[in-house]
């Protein structure tokens, strides 16, 4: 009886393997993952050089993982087992709490933060000696959970940044934000929730502003965390704040050499990353011209992706806002594109980016 049982189990196991093998063979390759908002690996070129160098095997491994049949379903199963059977607090540093997805940004890489700060320091010393320079740090949303969760030491980040960015004013915004100011399925903050951040930035930069906005709904979206965690969470809603200054403003993207509007509603419909509605997404260098400006003042923002949604709300008091993303643009090239002349300067970076040493 025991022998028969073992034979049946083996037959069932082999049958499952065969079914999965056939399914993966006949399945058409997907170009992108909607849930992960990225392009998927395609079948690698089979050449003598790629085979003997090991590149084919490495690329094929990535291809097999990306194109595996029912990949999202298996991620959901893995997450369920991690959290409910093995009682883990996270699965690959991802977890869901109160309907919101979090990623553990831990541990703090002090050396990476120092490197990031040094790159900003180099920019400051080379271009910004006579400018009014301010900087601020955006915590990841795990910072706002209780102490049962591991999180980066933001006091240490502040200490490192203060040591490197001397003669600049630090604007502390971490205590005016809460976890509810961030999307449930994404790492970014909600634009409609950051007027309080705009106000504290303006106050510290010596600007008096009482701007009114109309709130509009772009639509639902699933953020970058949704495809990583393998758990079902309700979609977020992207909203955007606008007024006549923003509606009439013109942006210029130096990478694409194209003019456009502040909010790219067409890209919201076509892009896999709906957050690209703000200034058309990630780009090295972009300017916003305020056609209704009553001033000649200019603002330079050294930023990561969080800057895309807050920049329109800082436009009111400037004729021109220039956004520089040093993740994609080497700081040594700035003088070829920007004339530095007494602009206000805001260095606005998330702790996550500072902790990765990816600034150029």
Protein backbone atom coordinates (compact mmCIF):
# COMPACT_ATOMS: atom_id res chain seq x y z
CA UNK A 1 0.00 0.00 0.00
CA UNK A 2 2.81 2.40 0.94
CA UNK A 3 4.67 1.52 -2.26
CA UNK A 4 1.56 2.25 -4.37
CA UNK A 5 1.13 5.59 -2.60
CA UNK A 6 4.73 6.58 -3.33
CA UNK A 7 4.36 5.61 -7.00
CA UNK A 8 1.23 7.74 -7.31
CA UNK A 9 3.02 10.73 -5.74
CA UNK A 10 5.97 10.34 -8.12
CA UNK A 11 3.65 10.05 -11.13
CA UNK A 12 1.74 13.18 -10.06
CA UNK A 13 4.99 15.09 -9.53
CA UNK A 14 6.35 14.10 -12.93
CA UNK A 15 3.00 14.97 -14.51
CA UNK A 16 3.12 18.46 -12.99
CA UNK A 17 6.68 18.94 -14.24
CA UNK A 18 5.69 17.90 -17.75
CA UNK A 19 2.63 20.15 -17.76
CA UNK A 20 4.70 23.14 -16.57
CA UNK A 21 7.41 22.39 -19.15
CA UNK A 22 4.89 22.23 -22.00
CA UNK A 23 3.10 25.36 -20.75
CA UNK A 24 6.35 27.33 -20.70
CA UNK A 25 7.30 26.10 -24.17
CA UNK A 26 4.00 27.03 -25.84
CA UNK A 27 3.54 30.30 -23.91
CA UNK A 28 4.25 33.41 -25.96
CA UNK A 29 6.87 35.69 -24.44
CA UNK A 30 5.60 38.87 -22.79
CA UNK A 31 7.32 42.14 -23.62
CA UNK A 32 6.54 43.87 -20.33
CA UNK A 33 5.22 43.10 -16.88
CA UNK A 34 2.26 45.35 -16.14
CA UNK A 35 2.39 44.65 -12.41
CA UNK A 36 6.14 45.25 -12.15
CA UNK A 37 6.15 48.15 -14.62
CA UNK A 38 9.26 46.99 -16.45
CA UNK A 39 10.42 45.28 -19.62
CA UNK A 40 10.93 41.54 -19.36
CA UNK A 41 14.00 39.66 -20.53
CA UNK A 42 13.74 38.15 -24.00
CA UNK A 43 15.34 34.98 -25.38
CA UNK A 44 19.09 35.71 -25.65
CA UNK A 45 21.13 35.49 -28.83
CA UNK A 46 22.70 32.04 -29.24
CA UNK A 47 26.24 32.52 -30.51
CA UNK A 48 29.57 30.80 -29.99
CA UNK A 49 30.94 33.75 -28.06
CA UNK A 50 27.88 34.06 -25.80
CA UNK A 51 27.93 30.32 -25.03
CA UNK A 52 31.64 30.05 -24.19
CA UNK A 53 31.73 33.32 -22.26
CA UNK A 54 28.83 32.22 -20.06
CA UNK A 55 26.70 35.19 -21.11
CA UNK A 56 24.10 33.00 -22.80
CA UNK A 57 23.57 30.92 -19.65
CA UNK A 58 23.31 34.04 -17.49
CA UNK A 59 20.89 35.78 -19.88
CA UNK A 60 18.84 32.61 -20.31
CA UNK A 61 18.45 32.32 -16.55
CA UNK A 62 17.02 35.86 -16.42
CA UNK A 63 14.80 35.08 -19.40
CA UNK A 64 13.44 31.87 -17.82
CA UNK A 65 12.61 33.66 -14.56
CA UNK A 66 10.93 36.60 -16.30
CA UNK A 67 8.88 34.51 -18.74
CA UNK A 68 7.83 31.70 -16.37
CA UNK A 69 4.16 30.84 -16.83
CA UNK A 70 1.79 32.25 -14.17
CA UNK A 71 4.71 34.10 -12.62
CA UNK A 72 2.53 36.54 -10.67
CA UNK A 73 0.47 33.69 -9.22
CA UNK A 74 3.57 31.94 -7.92
CA UNK A 75 4.72 35.19 -6.31
CA UNK A 76 1.38 35.39 -4.51
CA UNK A 77 1.77 31.81 -3.27
CA UNK A 78 5.32 32.52 -2.07
CA UNK A 79 4.20 35.64 -0.20
CA UNK A 80 1.28 33.78 1.43
CA UNK A 81 3.54 30.97 2.64
CA UNK A 82 6.17 33.43 3.93
CA UNK A 83 3.67 35.43 5.97
CA UNK A 84 1.14 32.78 7.05
CA UNK A 85 3.04 29.50 7.28
CA UNK A 86 6.56 30.63 8.19
CA UNK A 87 5.30 33.68 10.15
CA UNK A 88 7.86 35.99 8.62
CA UNK A 89 7.49 39.76 8.92
CA UNK A 90 8.44 40.29 5.29
CA UNK A 91 9.01 38.48 2.02
CA UNK A 92 12.15 39.71 0.21
CA UNK A 93 11.88 42.89 2.31
CA UNK A 94 8.28 43.48 1.17
CA UNK A 95 5.17 43.30 3.36
CA UNK A 96 1.61 44.55 3.61
CA UNK A 97 0.24 46.37 6.65
CA UNK A 98 -3.21 47.95 6.93
CA UNK A 99 -3.78 47.70 3.19
CA UNK A 100 -0.51 49.43 2.27
CA UNK A 101 2.65 47.87 0.82
CA UNK A 102 6.00 48.62 2.41
CA UNK A 103 9.59 47.87 1.55
CA UNK A 104 12.26 47.61 4.24
CA UNK A 105 14.94 50.16 3.32
CA UNK A 106 17.45 48.65 5.73
CA UNK A 107 20.24 48.72 6.73
CA UNK A 108 21.69 52.20 6.44
CA UNK A 109 24.73 52.26 4.16
CA UNK A 110 26.72 55.09 5.71
CA UNK A 111 29.39 54.96 3.03
CA UNK A 112 26.77 55.29 0.27
CA UNK A 113 25.18 58.27 2.02
CA UNK A 114 28.61 59.89 2.36
CA UNK A 115 29.28 59.33 -1.35
CA UNK A 116 25.89 60.84 -2.25
CA UNK A 117 26.52 63.84 0.01
CA UNK A 118 29.99 64.34 -1.47
CA UNK A 119 28.57 64.47 -4.99
CA UNK A 120 26.10 67.15 -3.92
CA UNK A 121 28.93 68.93 -2.11
CA UNK A 122 30.98 68.95 -5.33
CA UNK A 123 28.07 70.54 -7.21
CA UNK A 124 27.63 73.11 -4.46
CA UNK A 125 31.31 74.08 -4.41
CA UNK A 126 31.62 74.26 -8.19
CA UNK A 127 28.41 76.04 -9.15
CA UNK A 128 26.52 77.34 -6.13
CA UNK A 129 28.97 79.41 -4.07
CA UNK A 130 26.87 82.59 -4.30
CA UNK A 131 23.44 80.95 -4.32
CA UNK A 132 20.85 80.48 -1.60
CA UNK A 133 21.06 76.72 -1.15
CA UNK A 134 18.61 74.59 0.84
CA UNK A 135 18.29 70.85 1.19
CA UNK A 136 15.72 68.43 2.51
CA UNK A 137 15.41 64.66 2.95
CA UNK A 138 12.26 62.63 2.23
CA UNK A 139 11.93 59.55 4.46
CA UNK A 140 10.67 56.28 3.04
CA UNK A 141 7.21 55.46 4.35
CA UNK A 142 8.48 52.62 6.56
CA UNK A 143 9.91 55.40 8.75
CA UNK A 144 6.36 56.11 9.92
CA UNK A 145 5.68 52.60 11.22
CA UNK A 146 6.23 51.62 14.84
CA UNK A 147 9.57 50.43 16.17
CA UNK A 148 8.74 46.76 15.54
CA UNK A 149 9.96 47.31 11.98
CA UNK A 150 13.55 47.82 10.90
CA UNK A 151 14.20 51.22 9.38
CA UNK A 152 17.06 53.47 8.37
CA UNK A 153 18.58 55.85 10.92
CA UNK A 154 17.52 59.22 9.51
CA UNK A 155 19.28 61.12 12.28
CA UNK A 156 22.53 59.59 11.05
CA UNK A 157 21.68 60.55 7.45
CA UNK A 158 21.04 64.12 8.62
CA UNK A 159 24.36 64.12 10.46
CA UNK A 160 26.30 62.98 7.38
CA UNK A 161 24.54 65.45 5.09
CA UNK A 162 25.13 68.35 7.50
CA UNK A 163 28.82 67.53 7.64
CA UNK A 164 29.18 67.64 3.85
CA UNK A 165 26.68 70.35 2.90
CA UNK A 166 27.95 73.22 5.00
CA UNK A 167 26.74 76.78 4.40
CA UNK A 168 23.36 75.35 3.34
CA UNK A 169 20.11 75.37 5.26
CA UNK A 170 18.48 72.07 6.14
CA UNK A 171 14.68 72.02 5.98
CA UNK A 172 13.34 69.17 8.11
CA UNK A 173 10.09 67.78 6.68
CA UNK A 174 10.06 64.27 8.13
CA UNK A 175 7.87 65.12 11.12
CA UNK A 176 5.11 66.79 9.11
CA UNK A 177 4.54 63.72 6.94
CA UNK A 178 2.71 60.51 7.88
CA UNK A 179 2.39 57.10 6.26
CA UNK A 180 -1.00 58.18 4.90
CA UNK A 181 0.71 60.79 2.72
CA UNK A 182 2.17 58.00 0.57
CA UNK A 183 0.46 55.75 -1.97
CA UNK A 184 -0.53 52.29 -0.78
CA UNK A 185 1.03 50.48 -3.75
CA UNK A 186 3.97 52.79 -4.41
CA UNK A 187 6.92 54.48 -2.71
CA UNK A 188 5.97 58.04 -3.72
CA UNK A 189 4.00 60.66 -1.85
CA UNK A 190 0.55 61.83 -2.95
CA UNK A 191 0.68 65.25 -4.55
CA UNK A 192 -2.62 66.28 -2.98
CA UNK A 193 -1.14 65.62 0.48
CA UNK A 194 2.08 67.63 0.22
CA UNK A 195 0.83 71.22 0.33
CA UNK A 196 2.11 71.21 3.92
CA UNK A 197 5.57 70.30 2.60
CA UNK A 198 5.38 73.10 0.04
CA UNK A 199 4.43 75.56 2.77
CA UNK A 200 7.36 74.67 5.03
CA UNK A 201 9.78 74.79 2.08
CA UNK A 202 8.48 78.21 1.04
CA UNK A 203 8.65 79.54 4.59
CA UNK A 204 12.26 78.45 5.03
CA UNK A 205 13.22 79.86 1.62
CA UNK A 206 11.71 83.23 2.54
CA UNK A 207 8.68 82.99 0.30
CA UNK A 208 5.17 84.06 1.29
CA UNK A 209 2.61 82.16 -0.77
CA UNK A 210 -1.10 81.44 -0.50
CA UNK A 211 -1.71 79.52 -3.68
CA UNK A 212 -5.04 77.89 -4.47
CA UNK A 213 -5.37 74.72 -6.51
CA UNK A 214 -8.08 72.69 -8.15
CA UNK A 215 -7.84 68.97 -7.47
CA UNK A 216 -8.46 66.67 -10.44
CA UNK A 217 -8.50 62.88 -10.75
CA UNK A 218 -6.36 61.21 -13.40
CA UNK A 219 -7.44 57.65 -12.60
CA UNK A 220 -6.47 54.48 -10.79
CA UNK A 221 -3.00 52.98 -10.79
CA UNK A 222 -0.95 50.20 -9.23
CA UNK A 223 2.48 51.41 -8.11
CA UNK A 224 5.88 49.82 -8.32
CA UNK A 225 5.49 47.94 -5.03
CA UNK A 226 2.38 46.11 -6.22
CA UNK A 227 4.23 43.87 -8.67
CA UNK A 228 7.00 43.11 -6.19
CA UNK A 229 5.08 41.96 -3.14
CA UNK A 230 2.82 39.21 -4.53
CA UNK A 231 -0.24 40.28 -2.51
CA UNK A 232 -3.61 41.71 -3.46
CA UNK A 233 -4.02 45.37 -2.50
CA UNK A 234 -6.60 47.88 -3.71
CA UNK A 235 -5.53 50.27 -6.45
CA UNK A 236 -4.45 53.82 -5.66
CA UNK A 237 -5.93 56.91 -7.28
CA UNK A 238 -3.65 59.49 -8.85
CA UNK A 239 -4.84 63.05 -8.35
CA UNK A 240 -3.15 66.22 -9.53
CA UNK A 241 -3.37 69.84 -8.38
CA UNK A 242 -3.63 72.58 -10.95
CA UNK A 243 -4.35 76.28 -11.46
CA UNK A 244 -3.90 78.84 -14.23
CA UNK A 245 -0.13 79.13 -13.66
CA UNK A 246 0.38 75.39 -13.98
CA UNK A 247 -2.02 75.04 -16.91
CA UNK A 248 -0.21 77.77 -18.86
CA UNK A 249 3.30 76.66 -17.95
CA UNK A 250 5.53 75.07 -20.59
CA UNK A 251 8.09 72.36 -19.89
CA UNK A 252 11.14 71.59 -21.99
CA UNK A 253 12.78 68.17 -21.83
CA UNK A 254 16.47 68.35 -22.77
CA UNK A 255 16.67 64.59 -23.36
CA UNK A 256 13.82 64.45 -25.89
CA UNK A 257 14.11 68.08 -27.10
CA UNK A 258 10.35 68.41 -26.73
CA UNK A 259 7.99 70.96 -25.20
CA UNK A 260 4.97 69.76 -23.28
CA UNK A 261 2.58 70.52 -20.43
CA UNK A 262 3.31 70.03 -16.73
CA UNK A 263 0.87 67.14 -16.48
CA UNK A 264 1.20 64.56 -19.23
CA UNK A 265 -2.32 63.10 -19.35
CA UNK A 266 -1.54 61.17 -22.53
CA UNK A 267 1.37 59.43 -20.85
CA UNK A 268 -0.91 58.48 -17.97
CA UNK A 269 -2.97 56.51 -20.45
CA UNK A 270 -0.07 54.87 -22.29
CA UNK A 271 2.80 54.48 -19.81
CA UNK A 272 3.25 51.42 -17.62
CA UNK A 273 4.23 53.84 -14.84
CA UNK A 274 1.25 56.11 -14.20
CA UNK A 275 3.38 58.34 -11.96
CA UNK A 276 4.85 59.61 -15.25
CA UNK A 277 1.87 61.97 -15.41
CA UNK A 278 4.07 64.36 -13.42
CA UNK A 279 6.47 66.07 -15.86
CA UNK A 280 6.39 63.01 -18.16
CA UNK A 281 8.51 60.86 -15.84
CA UNK A 282 12.21 60.39 -15.18
CA UNK A 283 14.58 62.57 -17.20
CA UNK A 284 18.01 64.12 -16.59
CA UNK A 285 17.11 67.78 -17.14
CA UNK A 286 13.82 69.60 -17.56
CA UNK A 287 12.67 73.22 -17.21
CA UNK A 288 9.26 74.68 -16.40
CA UNK A 289 8.52 78.20 -17.64
CA UNK A 290 5.84 80.11 -15.73
CA UNK A 291 4.11 82.19 -18.41
CA UNK A 292 2.15 84.15 -15.76
CA UNK A 293 5.13 84.99 -13.54
CA UNK A 294 5.33 88.41 -11.88
CA UNK A 295 8.99 87.84 -10.99
CA UNK A 296 12.29 87.01 -12.66
CA UNK A 297 13.38 84.66 -9.88
CA UNK A 298 14.50 81.15 -10.78
CA UNK A 299 14.64 77.93 -8.80
CA UNK A 300 16.98 74.97 -9.34
CA UNK A 301 15.85 71.64 -7.90
CA UNK A 302 18.32 68.78 -7.61
CA UNK A 303 15.96 65.89 -7.22
CA UNK A 304 14.89 62.29 -7.67
CA UNK A 305 11.43 61.11 -8.76
CA UNK A 306 9.72 62.72 -5.75
CA UNK A 307 10.57 66.10 -7.24
CA UNK A 308 8.33 65.53 -10.26
CA UNK A 309 5.13 65.95 -8.26
CA UNK A 310 6.23 68.77 -5.95
CA UNK A 311 7.91 70.99 -8.55
CA UNK A 312 4.60 72.23 -10.07
CA UNK A 313 3.53 73.37 -6.60
CA UNK A 314 6.70 75.46 -6.21
CA UNK A 315 6.21 77.18 -9.57
CA UNK A 316 3.96 80.01 -8.34
CA UNK A 317 6.78 82.23 -7.10
CA UNK A 318 9.30 81.65 -9.88
CA UNK A 319 9.59 82.53 -13.54
CA UNK A 320 11.53 79.37 -14.22
CA UNK A 321 12.07 76.10 -12.37
CA UNK A 322 14.86 73.77 -13.52
CA UNK A 323 14.94 70.16 -12.34
CA UNK A 324 18.23 68.26 -12.40
CA UNK A 325 18.32 64.52 -11.78
CA UNK A 326 21.88 63.49 -10.98
CA UNK A 327 20.94 59.82 -11.23
CA UNK A 328 20.95 60.28 -15.00
CA UNK A 329 23.15 63.34 -15.53
CA UNK A 330 26.78 63.85 -14.52
CA UNK A 331 27.20 66.95 -12.39
CA UNK A 332 30.29 67.93 -14.38
CA UNK A 333 28.06 68.63 -17.42
CA UNK A 334 25.74 71.12 -15.76
CA UNK A 335 27.53 74.30 -16.88
CA UNK A 336 26.91 73.27 -20.50
CA UNK A 337 23.16 73.59 -19.97
CA UNK A 338 22.60 75.94 -17.03
CA UNK A 339 23.76 79.49 -16.44
CA UNK A 340 24.24 79.73 -12.69
CA UNK A 341 23.32 83.25 -11.54
CA UNK A 342 21.84 83.80 -8.10
CA UNK A 343 19.02 81.25 -8.37
CA UNK A 344 17.40 79.73 -5.33
CA UNK A 345 18.54 76.12 -5.03
CA UNK A 346 16.74 73.21 -3.40
CA UNK A 347 18.36 69.79 -3.04
CA UNK A 348 15.46 67.43 -2.40
CA UNK A 349 16.25 63.72 -2.14
CA UNK A 350 14.66 60.63 -0.65
CA UNK A 351 16.61 58.71 1.95
CA UNK A 352 16.31 55.66 -0.31
CA UNK A 353 18.26 57.33 -3.13
CA UNK A 354 20.89 58.76 -0.78
CA UNK A 355 21.38 55.27 0.63
CA UNK A 356 22.24 53.79 -2.79
CA UNK A 357 25.10 55.99 -4.06
CA UNK A 358 23.62 56.34 -7.55
CA UNK A 359 24.19 60.07 -8.08
CA UNK A 360 26.66 60.91 -10.85
